[in-house]
Protein backbone atom coordinates (compact mmCIF):
# COMPACT_ATOMS: atom_id res chain seq x y z
CA MET A 1 -88.59 -10.41 -94.31
CA SER A 2 -88.88 -6.58 -95.88
CA GLU A 3 -85.41 -4.77 -96.01
CA GLN A 4 -83.49 -3.19 -93.48
CA LEU A 5 -84.17 0.59 -93.69
CA ILE A 6 -80.78 2.77 -92.77
CA ILE A 7 -81.23 5.29 -90.81
CA PHE A 8 -78.58 7.57 -91.25
CA ASP A 9 -78.16 10.96 -88.58
CA THR A 10 -76.79 14.09 -89.33
CA THR A 11 -77.88 16.44 -86.27
CA LEU A 12 -73.91 16.62 -85.61
CA ARG A 13 -72.94 17.83 -89.07
CA ASP A 14 -75.83 19.51 -90.97
CA GLY A 15 -77.83 20.24 -88.27
CA GLU A 16 -75.37 22.45 -85.90
CA GLN A 17 -75.11 24.47 -89.23
CA SER A 18 -78.29 25.74 -88.09
CA PRO A 19 -77.43 29.03 -86.77
CA GLY A 20 -76.85 29.19 -82.93
CA ALA A 21 -76.60 25.50 -83.29
CA SER A 22 -73.23 25.07 -82.82
CA MET A 23 -72.17 21.76 -80.16
CA THR A 24 -68.63 21.56 -78.06
CA ARG A 25 -66.76 18.30 -78.44
CA ASP A 26 -68.38 16.70 -75.02
CA GLU A 27 -72.39 18.18 -76.36
CA LYS A 28 -71.73 16.14 -79.39
CA VAL A 29 -70.52 12.74 -77.55
CA ARG A 30 -73.40 13.13 -75.55
CA ILE A 31 -75.70 13.30 -78.07
CA ALA A 32 -74.17 10.65 -80.65
CA LYS A 33 -74.34 8.44 -77.17
CA ALA A 34 -77.48 9.23 -77.66
CA LEU A 35 -77.66 7.60 -81.11
CA GLU A 36 -75.98 5.04 -80.44
CA ARG A 37 -79.10 3.79 -77.42
CA MET A 38 -81.37 4.50 -80.00
CA ARG A 39 -79.68 1.84 -82.40
CA VAL A 40 -79.18 4.58 -85.14
CA ASP A 41 -76.72 2.75 -87.87
CA VAL A 42 -74.91 5.87 -89.32
CA ILE A 43 -73.94 8.96 -86.68
CA GLU A 44 -72.11 11.85 -89.58
CA ALA A 45 -70.34 13.43 -86.59
CA GLY A 46 -69.08 16.38 -88.10
CA PHE A 47 -66.91 17.62 -91.47
CA PRO A 48 -63.50 17.18 -90.22
CA ILE A 49 -61.24 20.13 -92.47
CA ALA A 50 -63.79 23.15 -91.08
CA SER A 51 -61.74 23.20 -87.80
CA GLU A 52 -59.60 21.63 -84.85
CA GLY A 53 -62.39 21.75 -82.91
CA ASP A 54 -64.67 19.61 -85.69
CA PHE A 55 -61.37 17.23 -86.08
CA GLU A 56 -61.44 16.82 -82.74
CA SER A 57 -65.41 16.45 -82.25
CA VAL A 58 -65.27 13.71 -84.58
CA LYS A 59 -62.49 11.95 -83.57
CA ALA A 60 -63.99 12.27 -79.74
CA VAL A 61 -66.98 10.69 -81.46
CA ALA A 62 -65.38 8.04 -83.65
CA ASN A 63 -62.90 7.15 -79.84
CA ALA A 64 -66.42 6.53 -78.10
CA ILE A 65 -69.13 4.86 -80.24
CA LYS A 66 -68.80 1.05 -80.33
CA ASP A 67 -72.12 0.11 -82.02
CA SER A 68 -73.22 2.22 -84.42
CA THR A 69 -70.64 3.38 -87.61
CA VAL A 70 -69.25 6.81 -87.53
CA CYS A 71 -69.48 9.09 -90.20
CA GLY A 72 -66.92 11.87 -91.75
CA LEU A 73 -67.60 14.28 -94.26
CA ALA A 74 -65.33 15.66 -96.97
CA ARG A 75 -65.22 17.51 -100.31
CA ALA A 76 -64.25 15.76 -102.97
CA LEU A 77 -60.67 16.87 -102.27
CA ASP A 78 -57.44 14.96 -101.19
CA LYS A 79 -57.12 17.50 -98.25
CA ASP A 80 -60.60 17.28 -96.95
CA ILE A 81 -60.53 13.13 -97.33
CA ASP A 82 -57.33 12.37 -95.51
CA ARG A 83 -58.10 14.92 -92.85
CA ALA A 84 -61.72 12.80 -92.71
CA GLY A 85 -59.44 9.17 -92.25
CA GLU A 86 -57.13 10.50 -89.65
CA ALA A 87 -59.88 11.63 -87.43
CA LEU A 88 -62.04 8.27 -87.93
CA LYS A 89 -59.14 5.95 -86.54
CA GLY A 90 -60.54 5.19 -83.89
CA ALA A 91 -63.50 4.35 -85.00
CA ASN A 92 -64.96 0.48 -84.40
CA SER A 93 -66.89 1.27 -87.85
CA ALA A 94 -66.00 4.35 -89.92
CA ARG A 95 -67.67 5.74 -93.40
CA ILE A 96 -66.49 8.66 -95.03
CA HIS A 97 -68.63 10.62 -97.31
CA THR A 98 -67.53 12.95 -99.72
CA PHE A 99 -69.58 14.77 -102.36
CA ILE A 100 -69.13 17.12 -105.18
CA ALA A 101 -72.15 19.40 -106.96
CA THR A 102 -73.53 18.00 -110.55
CA SER A 103 -76.14 20.40 -111.21
CA PRO A 104 -75.41 22.67 -114.08
CA ILE A 105 -75.86 26.03 -111.87
CA HIS A 106 -73.36 24.69 -109.43
CA MET A 107 -70.90 23.63 -111.94
CA LYS A 108 -70.90 26.90 -113.93
CA MET A 109 -71.41 29.10 -111.04
CA LYS A 110 -69.40 27.80 -107.77
CA LEU A 111 -67.38 25.20 -109.13
CA ARG A 112 -66.17 26.42 -112.32
CA MET A 113 -65.26 23.17 -113.95
CA GLU A 114 -66.69 21.05 -116.66
CA PRO A 115 -68.81 18.06 -116.62
CA ASP A 116 -65.79 15.33 -117.51
CA ALA A 117 -63.76 17.16 -114.80
CA VAL A 118 -66.03 17.01 -112.05
CA VAL A 119 -66.52 12.97 -113.51
CA GLU A 120 -63.57 12.63 -112.40
CA GLN A 121 -62.93 14.28 -109.50
CA ALA A 122 -65.65 12.17 -107.98
CA VAL A 123 -63.84 9.13 -108.84
CA ARG A 124 -60.86 9.93 -107.98
CA ALA A 125 -62.33 11.13 -104.53
CA VAL A 126 -63.91 8.01 -104.15
CA LYS A 127 -61.15 6.02 -104.63
CA ARG A 128 -58.89 8.14 -102.17
CA ALA A 129 -61.32 7.32 -99.48
CA ARG A 130 -61.47 3.29 -99.60
CA GLN A 131 -57.76 3.54 -98.54
CA PHE A 132 -59.54 4.36 -94.77
CA THR A 133 -62.45 2.11 -95.23
CA ASP A 134 -63.88 -0.03 -97.37
CA ASN A 135 -67.55 1.89 -96.36
CA VAL A 136 -67.28 5.04 -98.51
CA GLU A 137 -70.22 7.42 -99.74
CA PHE A 138 -70.68 9.31 -102.04
CA SER A 139 -73.31 12.80 -102.75
CA PRO A 140 -73.78 14.36 -105.79
CA GLU A 141 -74.92 17.68 -104.37
CA ASP A 142 -77.82 19.45 -105.49
CA ALA A 143 -79.08 16.12 -107.42
CA GLY A 144 -82.48 17.09 -107.18
CA ARG A 145 -81.51 20.02 -109.97
CA SER A 146 -79.09 18.30 -111.77
CA GLU A 147 -79.68 16.22 -115.18
CA LEU A 148 -80.27 12.51 -115.05
CA ASP A 149 -78.15 11.53 -118.11
CA PHE A 150 -75.06 13.19 -116.18
CA LEU A 151 -76.47 12.21 -112.36
CA CYS A 152 -76.48 8.28 -114.10
CA ARG A 153 -73.37 8.68 -115.30
CA VAL A 154 -71.49 9.75 -111.97
CA LEU A 155 -73.35 7.73 -109.81
CA GLU A 156 -72.30 4.43 -112.45
CA ALA A 157 -68.40 6.20 -112.06
CA VAL A 158 -68.31 5.99 -108.68
CA ILE A 159 -70.30 2.62 -107.89
CA ASP A 160 -67.20 1.32 -110.17
CA ALA A 161 -64.80 3.25 -108.11
CA GLY A 162 -65.91 1.21 -104.67
CA ALA A 163 -68.59 3.78 -102.92
CA THR A 164 -70.97 1.27 -101.17
CA THR A 165 -73.59 4.50 -100.84
CA VAL A 166 -74.97 6.80 -102.95
CA ASN A 167 -76.93 9.63 -101.83
CA ILE A 168 -79.08 11.74 -104.02
CA PRO A 169 -79.63 14.79 -102.06
CA ASP A 170 -82.18 17.53 -102.85
CA THR A 171 -80.20 19.99 -101.40
CA VAL A 172 -82.22 23.45 -102.11
CA GLY A 173 -85.61 21.84 -100.97
CA TYR A 174 -86.71 22.01 -104.43
CA ASN A 175 -88.07 18.92 -104.95
CA LEU A 176 -91.88 17.28 -104.65
CA PRO A 177 -92.44 14.25 -103.29
CA HIS A 178 -93.58 12.08 -106.58
CA GLN A 179 -90.91 14.58 -108.79
CA PHE A 180 -88.31 12.92 -106.45
CA GLY A 181 -90.14 9.32 -105.63
CA SER A 182 -90.31 9.50 -109.95
CA LEU A 183 -86.04 10.19 -109.40
CA ILE A 184 -84.82 7.64 -107.76
CA ALA A 185 -87.44 4.83 -108.89
CA ASN A 186 -85.08 6.31 -112.38
CA LEU A 187 -81.97 6.25 -111.11
CA ILE A 188 -82.00 3.06 -109.60
CA GLU A 189 -83.41 1.94 -113.13
CA ARG A 190 -80.50 3.56 -115.26
CA VAL A 191 -77.69 2.92 -113.41
CA PRO A 192 -76.38 0.02 -114.82
CA ASN A 193 -74.59 -1.61 -111.20
CA SER A 194 -77.11 0.36 -109.11
CA ASP A 195 -77.81 -3.12 -107.12
CA LYS A 196 -74.27 -3.08 -106.22
CA ALA A 197 -74.46 0.24 -103.53
CA VAL A 198 -77.06 1.32 -100.99
CA PHE A 199 -79.73 4.34 -102.38
CA SER A 200 -79.82 6.72 -99.86
CA VAL A 201 -81.80 10.47 -99.69
CA HIS A 202 -81.41 13.91 -98.19
CA CYS A 203 -83.69 15.97 -98.22
CA HIS A 204 -83.83 20.03 -96.67
CA ASN A 205 -87.35 20.99 -95.59
CA ASP A 206 -87.51 24.59 -97.63
CA LEU A 207 -91.20 23.54 -98.85
CA GLY A 208 -92.42 21.53 -95.90
CA MET A 209 -91.08 18.44 -97.73
CA ALA A 210 -88.60 17.02 -96.52
CA VAL A 211 -90.23 13.92 -95.08
CA ALA A 212 -92.33 13.91 -97.76
CA ASN A 213 -89.92 13.48 -100.11
CA SER A 214 -87.58 10.99 -98.46
CA LEU A 215 -90.40 8.58 -97.51
CA ALA A 216 -91.52 8.94 -101.76
CA ALA A 217 -87.78 7.81 -101.90
CA VAL A 218 -88.71 4.77 -99.92
CA ALA A 219 -91.35 3.48 -101.55
CA GLN A 220 -89.11 3.49 -104.98
CA GLY A 221 -85.74 1.75 -103.61
CA ALA A 222 -84.28 3.86 -101.33
CA ARG A 223 -82.54 1.99 -98.50
CA GLN A 224 -81.13 4.91 -96.65
CA VAL A 225 -82.45 7.90 -95.36
CA GLU A 226 -80.39 11.43 -94.11
CA CYS A 227 -81.69 12.91 -90.81
CA THR A 228 -81.93 14.76 -87.76
CA ILE A 229 -83.28 15.03 -84.67
CA ASN A 230 -86.43 17.57 -84.38
CA GLY A 231 -85.49 18.20 -87.89
CA LEU A 232 -82.82 20.50 -86.92
CA GLY A 233 -80.60 21.66 -90.07
CA GLU A 234 -79.82 24.79 -92.39
CA ARG A 235 -82.17 27.78 -93.47
CA ALA A 236 -85.86 25.44 -93.16
CA GLY A 237 -83.88 22.08 -91.52
CA ASN A 238 -83.96 18.38 -93.07
CA ALA A 239 -85.82 15.24 -92.71
CA ALA A 240 -86.97 14.85 -88.75
CA LEU A 241 -85.48 11.60 -87.73
CA GLU A 242 -88.69 10.77 -85.61
CA GLU A 243 -90.99 11.66 -88.13
CA ILE A 244 -89.82 8.94 -90.55
CA VAL A 245 -88.95 6.32 -88.63
CA MET A 246 -92.61 6.57 -86.78
CA ALA A 247 -94.22 6.79 -90.08
CA VAL A 248 -92.15 3.46 -91.71
CA SER A 249 -93.33 2.21 -87.73
CA THR A 250 -96.64 2.66 -89.07
CA ARG A 251 -97.38 2.41 -91.76
CA GLN A 252 -95.94 -1.29 -92.30
CA ASP A 253 -99.27 -1.83 -95.51
CA VAL A 254 -97.09 0.62 -97.21
CA PHE A 255 -93.48 0.18 -96.46
CA ASP A 256 -91.55 -2.68 -97.89
CA CYS A 257 -88.73 -1.85 -95.66
CA ASN A 258 -88.73 -1.52 -91.89
CA VAL A 259 -86.57 0.47 -88.64
CA ASP A 260 -87.59 -2.95 -86.76
CA HIS A 261 -83.93 -2.74 -85.43
CA LEU A 262 -84.57 0.80 -83.49
CA ASP A 263 -84.64 1.64 -80.27
CA ARG A 264 -88.18 3.81 -80.62
CA THR A 265 -88.37 4.36 -77.51
CA GLN A 266 -85.37 6.69 -77.19
CA ILE A 267 -87.09 8.73 -79.54
CA VAL A 268 -88.38 11.73 -76.83
CA SER A 269 -85.50 11.68 -74.57
CA CYS A 270 -82.91 12.06 -77.37
CA SER A 271 -84.99 15.33 -78.76
CA ARG A 272 -84.83 16.62 -75.44
CA LEU A 273 -81.68 15.80 -75.45
CA VAL A 274 -80.56 17.97 -78.33
CA SER A 275 -83.21 20.51 -77.41
CA SER A 276 -81.62 21.32 -74.22
CA ILE A 277 -78.27 21.38 -75.77
CA THR A 278 -78.97 23.45 -78.79
CA GLY A 279 -81.84 25.83 -77.44
CA PHE A 280 -84.01 24.94 -80.09
CA THR A 281 -87.11 24.41 -78.46
CA VAL A 282 -89.74 21.97 -80.02
CA GLN A 283 -93.23 23.53 -81.20
CA PRO A 284 -95.66 22.04 -79.05
CA ASN A 285 -98.03 20.64 -81.97
CA LYS A 286 -94.56 19.06 -83.75
CA ALA A 287 -95.53 15.70 -84.99
CA ILE A 288 -94.16 12.84 -82.61
CA VAL A 289 -92.16 14.58 -80.55
CA GLY A 290 -94.29 17.74 -79.35
CA ALA A 291 -96.10 18.26 -76.07
CA ASN A 292 -99.39 18.19 -77.68
CA ALA A 293 -98.60 15.17 -79.84
CA PHE A 294 -100.19 12.96 -78.08
CA ALA A 295 -102.82 15.02 -76.25
CA HIS A 296 -106.61 15.10 -76.66
CA GLU A 297 -108.46 18.54 -76.11
CA SER A 298 -111.82 17.53 -78.34
CA GLY A 299 -113.95 16.21 -75.99
CA ILE A 300 -115.49 13.99 -79.49
CA HIS A 301 -112.48 13.04 -79.34
CA GLN A 302 -111.27 12.16 -75.63
CA ASP A 303 -114.12 10.69 -75.18
CA GLY A 304 -113.38 7.97 -78.36
CA VAL A 305 -110.08 7.63 -76.82
CA LEU A 306 -110.91 6.77 -72.86
CA LYS A 307 -113.26 3.74 -75.33
CA SER A 308 -110.27 2.36 -77.51
CA ARG A 309 -107.29 4.07 -77.75
CA GLU A 310 -107.31 2.99 -82.02
CA THR A 311 -109.68 5.93 -82.76
CA TYR A 312 -108.52 8.92 -82.52
CA GLU A 313 -104.39 7.50 -81.73
CA ILE A 314 -102.29 5.67 -84.88
CA MET A 315 -98.96 5.43 -82.19
CA ARG A 316 -99.14 4.81 -78.55
CA ALA A 317 -96.69 7.12 -76.80
CA GLU A 318 -95.05 4.87 -74.77
CA ASP A 319 -94.01 3.09 -78.19
CA VAL A 320 -91.30 6.45 -78.74
CA GLY A 321 -90.21 7.23 -74.77
CA TRP A 322 -93.35 9.71 -73.53
CA SER A 323 -93.86 7.29 -70.26
CA ALA A 324 -89.68 6.74 -69.27
CA ASN A 325 -89.41 10.19 -68.11
CA ARG A 326 -90.01 9.75 -64.56
CA MET A 327 -88.90 10.91 -61.08
CA VAL A 328 -86.11 9.04 -60.32
CA LEU A 329 -83.55 11.11 -57.25
CA GLY A 330 -84.67 13.44 -54.25
CA LYS A 331 -82.55 15.45 -52.23
CA HIS A 332 -81.82 12.60 -49.79
CA SER A 333 -80.67 10.59 -52.52
CA GLY A 334 -76.88 9.57 -52.66
CA ARG A 335 -74.07 9.69 -54.95
CA ASN A 336 -73.91 6.16 -56.69
CA ALA A 337 -78.08 7.01 -57.37
CA PHE A 338 -76.57 9.79 -58.54
CA ARG A 339 -74.20 8.61 -60.87
CA THR A 340 -75.73 5.35 -61.49
CA ARG A 341 -78.77 7.35 -63.15
CA LEU A 342 -76.42 9.14 -65.51
CA GLN A 343 -75.10 6.62 -67.20
CA GLU A 344 -78.47 5.00 -67.66
CA LEU A 345 -79.04 8.07 -69.28
CA GLY A 346 -75.42 7.68 -71.04
CA VAL A 347 -73.44 10.39 -68.65
CA SER A 348 -70.47 9.29 -67.99
CA PHE A 349 -67.51 10.96 -65.89
CA ALA A 350 -63.97 11.35 -66.81
CA GLY A 351 -63.12 11.58 -62.83
CA GLU A 352 -64.07 11.76 -59.35
CA GLU A 353 -64.24 15.70 -59.54
CA GLU A 354 -66.60 16.21 -62.05
CA LEU A 355 -68.62 13.40 -60.84
CA ASN A 356 -68.55 15.50 -57.13
CA ALA A 357 -68.87 19.19 -59.12
CA ALA A 358 -72.01 17.36 -61.16
CA PHE A 359 -73.22 16.27 -57.67
CA VAL A 360 -73.02 19.56 -55.49
CA ARG A 361 -75.22 20.80 -58.96
CA PHE A 362 -77.62 18.16 -58.07
CA LYS A 363 -78.06 18.77 -53.98
CA ALA A 364 -78.19 21.91 -54.36
CA LEU A 365 -81.01 21.63 -56.92
CA ALA A 366 -82.82 19.23 -55.03
CA ASP A 367 -82.97 21.58 -51.97
CA LYS A 368 -85.35 23.59 -53.69
CA LYS A 369 -87.12 21.04 -55.66
CA HIS A 370 -88.77 18.15 -54.23
CA GLU A 371 -88.33 15.59 -57.11
CA ILE A 372 -85.72 15.51 -59.67
CA PHE A 373 -86.86 13.90 -62.94
CA ASP A 374 -84.54 12.53 -65.11
CA ASP A 375 -85.29 16.48 -67.69
CA ASP A 376 -83.58 18.25 -64.71
CA LEU A 377 -80.78 15.79 -64.50
CA GLN A 378 -79.74 15.99 -68.47
CA ALA A 379 -80.59 19.87 -68.28
CA LEU A 380 -78.25 20.18 -65.17
CA VAL A 381 -75.45 18.23 -66.84
CA THR A 382 -76.02 20.19 -70.15
CA GLU A 383 -75.43 23.56 -67.73
CA ALA A 384 -72.12 22.13 -66.06
CA SER A 385 -70.96 21.83 -69.95
CA LEU A 386 -71.88 25.23 -70.90
CA ASP A 387 -70.08 26.83 -67.86
CA ALA A 388 -67.13 25.00 -68.54
CA GLU A 389 -66.56 27.03 -71.84
CA ASN A 390 -67.78 29.93 -69.43
CA GLU A 391 -63.49 31.38 -68.84
CA ARG A 392 -64.23 34.76 -69.65
CA VAL A 393 -67.12 35.92 -67.62
CA LYS A 394 -68.91 34.35 -64.96
CA LEU A 395 -71.65 35.83 -62.60
CA VAL A 396 -70.84 36.14 -59.55
CA ALA A 397 -74.11 37.33 -57.93
CA LEU A 398 -77.00 39.16 -59.45
CA LYS A 399 -79.69 41.06 -57.28
CA VAL A 400 -83.23 42.49 -58.56
CA CYS A 401 -86.05 45.01 -57.80
CA SER A 402 -88.83 45.20 -59.63
CA GLU A 403 -92.49 46.14 -57.85
CA THR A 404 -95.59 47.22 -59.12
CA GLY A 405 -95.08 51.60 -60.44
CA GLU A 406 -91.49 51.46 -59.91
CA THR A 407 -89.49 51.09 -62.86
CA PRO A 408 -87.50 47.67 -62.06
CA SER A 409 -83.23 47.46 -61.27
CA ALA A 410 -80.51 45.02 -61.33
CA LEU A 411 -77.51 44.69 -59.65
CA VAL A 412 -74.96 42.41 -60.94
CA THR A 413 -71.51 41.33 -60.20
CA LEU A 414 -69.36 39.35 -63.04
CA LYS A 415 -65.60 37.56 -63.32
CA ILE A 416 -64.34 38.88 -66.24
CA ASP A 417 -60.81 37.97 -67.43
CA GLY A 418 -60.42 36.77 -63.68
CA ALA A 419 -62.00 40.61 -62.23
CA GLU A 420 -64.66 41.55 -60.62
CA LYS A 421 -66.54 44.42 -61.70
CA THR A 422 -70.38 45.69 -60.57
CA ALA A 423 -72.64 47.07 -62.42
CA THR A 424 -76.48 48.39 -62.19
CA ALA A 425 -78.82 49.33 -64.54
CA SER A 426 -82.87 49.73 -65.00
CA GLY A 427 -85.14 48.10 -67.76
CA SER A 428 -88.35 47.20 -68.74
CA GLY A 429 -88.10 44.52 -66.48
CA PRO A 430 -86.11 42.46 -63.89
CA VAL A 431 -84.61 40.32 -66.94
CA ASP A 432 -84.05 43.36 -69.21
CA ALA A 433 -82.37 45.42 -66.39
CA ALA A 434 -80.34 42.57 -65.61
CA PHE A 435 -79.21 42.13 -69.49
CA LYS A 436 -78.01 45.81 -69.67
CA ALA A 437 -76.36 45.67 -66.77
CA ILE A 438 -74.06 42.29 -68.09
CA GLU A 439 -73.88 44.30 -71.15
CA SER A 440 -72.19 47.76 -69.97
CA LEU A 441 -69.61 45.20 -68.00
CA VAL A 442 -68.81 43.50 -71.14
CA ASN A 443 -69.37 45.72 -73.64
CA SER A 444 -69.87 42.89 -76.42
CA GLY A 445 -71.72 45.15 -78.60
CA ALA A 446 -74.33 42.12 -79.98
CA GLU A 447 -77.78 42.58 -80.41
CA LEU A 448 -80.07 40.36 -78.57
CA GLN A 449 -81.93 38.86 -81.75
CA LEU A 450 -83.87 35.86 -79.63
CA TYR A 451 -85.31 35.51 -75.78
CA SER A 452 -87.03 31.90 -75.42
CA VAL A 453 -88.16 30.61 -71.83
CA ASN A 454 -89.45 26.75 -71.10
CA ASN A 455 -90.09 24.99 -68.31
CA ILE A 456 -87.91 21.90 -68.17
CA THR A 457 -90.57 19.88 -66.24
CA SER A 458 -94.18 20.29 -64.55
CA GLY A 459 -95.05 22.72 -61.45
CA THR A 460 -94.49 26.05 -59.62
CA ASP A 461 -90.91 24.51 -58.68
CA SER A 462 -89.83 23.30 -62.56
CA GLN A 463 -86.87 25.21 -63.27
CA GLY A 464 -87.26 27.70 -66.28
CA GLU A 465 -84.17 26.91 -69.54
CA VAL A 466 -83.81 29.90 -71.80
CA THR A 467 -82.46 30.28 -74.39
CA VAL A 468 -80.63 33.78 -75.67
CA ARG A 469 -79.74 34.57 -79.33
CA LEU A 470 -77.54 36.97 -79.69
CA GLU A 471 -76.05 38.46 -83.54
CA GLN A 472 -72.42 39.78 -84.21
CA ASP A 473 -71.51 41.10 -87.08
CA GLY A 474 -73.24 38.71 -88.94
CA ARG A 475 -72.32 36.05 -86.42
CA ILE A 476 -75.62 34.53 -85.14
CA VAL A 477 -74.32 32.33 -81.50
CA ASN A 478 -76.49 30.91 -78.91
CA GLY A 479 -76.88 30.05 -75.03
CA GLN A 480 -78.44 28.37 -72.77
CA GLY A 481 -78.68 28.41 -68.67
CA ALA A 482 -81.69 27.07 -66.36
CA ASP A 483 -82.33 27.82 -62.41
CA THR A 484 -85.74 27.52 -60.85
CA ASP A 485 -85.42 31.70 -60.54
CA ILE A 486 -86.51 32.16 -64.43
CA VAL A 487 -84.45 35.56 -64.16
CA ILE A 488 -81.10 34.22 -62.71
CA ALA A 489 -81.48 31.26 -65.44
CA SER A 490 -81.84 34.02 -67.78
CA ALA A 491 -78.74 35.67 -66.92
CA LYS A 492 -76.95 32.65 -67.25
CA ALA A 493 -78.41 32.13 -70.53
CA TYR A 494 -77.06 35.65 -71.79
CA ILE A 495 -73.43 35.26 -69.96
CA ASN A 496 -72.97 31.87 -71.28
CA THR A 497 -73.91 33.21 -75.10
CA LEU A 498 -71.64 36.15 -74.72
CA ASN A 499 -69.26 33.64 -73.66
CA ARG A 500 -69.91 32.12 -77.13
CA VAL A 501 -69.91 35.51 -78.77
CA LEU A 502 -66.01 36.39 -77.54
CA VAL A 503 -64.56 32.88 -78.43
CA PRO A 504 -63.94 33.73 -82.40
CA VAL A 505 -64.54 30.94 -85.31
CA ASP A 506 -62.76 30.13 -88.22
CA ARG A 507 -64.83 27.40 -90.10
CA GLN A 508 -66.07 25.86 -93.36
CA HIS A 509 -69.48 24.72 -93.81
CA PRO A 510 -70.54 21.95 -96.27
CA GLN A 511 -74.23 21.68 -98.56
CA VAL A 512 -75.22 18.21 -99.05
């Protein structure tokens, strides 16, 4: 029998480092539960030392997840490791992931440490982490540009100290597949105690090689891959979980490991959930989870697929969850059916009051849409969590006027810190006018960087999901809004983003 490939998802930690992709505690728990339904092995929930919010998020995920291992990231510092250990106390299965840079440029320019001191600190960090859990992972940051002899020395030392997983990150996405695969093979061969730890990889996508590098490493003996849903992550992102999983699953003739333990039918729904929460839309031609991933336009292709699916499809759409988005509810559905379906989607409520508020939203949507799909329900819950953050600014009323030959205008009423204020503005279109009216009341000084609209489901009565990205003093923030009226959805998204801009954030971001 082939070995099992461990899937380590870092959407909640590294994925969140995408500019504007910050998630609330409740949103992280929702995504973690979706990953648990997929039977992901390890969920890296965050970087507990970064901020109080990050600590609480890791703690909440650790308490909510029962089947997957929950991991917290920590620099090779006592305070980081202790904070991670505290956050993970409630986990059924906990892992601490600690790291320190090992490349010459990082040791000299960033750490300002000699190689001997780096080895000593790495060993001390692993030993301290072992006081909290036997499941300890170590990463030599920027391993892709580290000297091989020194890398072997560090890995041997941390494995002796008790690291059960050693992760080799291509931190800056510099490697090519043949190089990275060779690196993993050399490390496994040259590190004397390599058989005492699982070798893992964490590849960034700066040159578009993250998935290819990860798979090259797996072919050479790596048995854990660190990845994210939709390839989310800092800069160009990380290796996409869905691509790693389906490549290994589809090409069992090449790989001597498997991902049979994963529920791959959960991939599409998890992808859509992450996209909805972060506001990072999935491109239509994205492998596995893009809208066109299983579409055939060419007549020759269509004819071949009709005669035999295998002529042009190497995977079944149903295997990754494309058939699961069925209509389940309508305006005549009751509260119990509503609650039951959301529970099946991994959404639970803190109490009856929260359930009732969500049910009111559902009924309002059902009055506008005849058919309610799973994606509509996910968007509804996401919007409810966004509104929970709208403490300073709330939309009270919006009226827009747009007609041929006339300048569009908007009349908006907001509640700002509890006081209602009204303003009018004109613009190049109704959305532009609404944004200008809102900004005239809030005076945030933020600049619009992105305005994006996507339909949640099909049909002219589909909800529009709007993403807005604002930049203020170098800080980039995303926000979302959904409604069957696209102008209202746009206003909701803009206000949601403003509320996030108005909350100062002081957090550290690690890079592995």
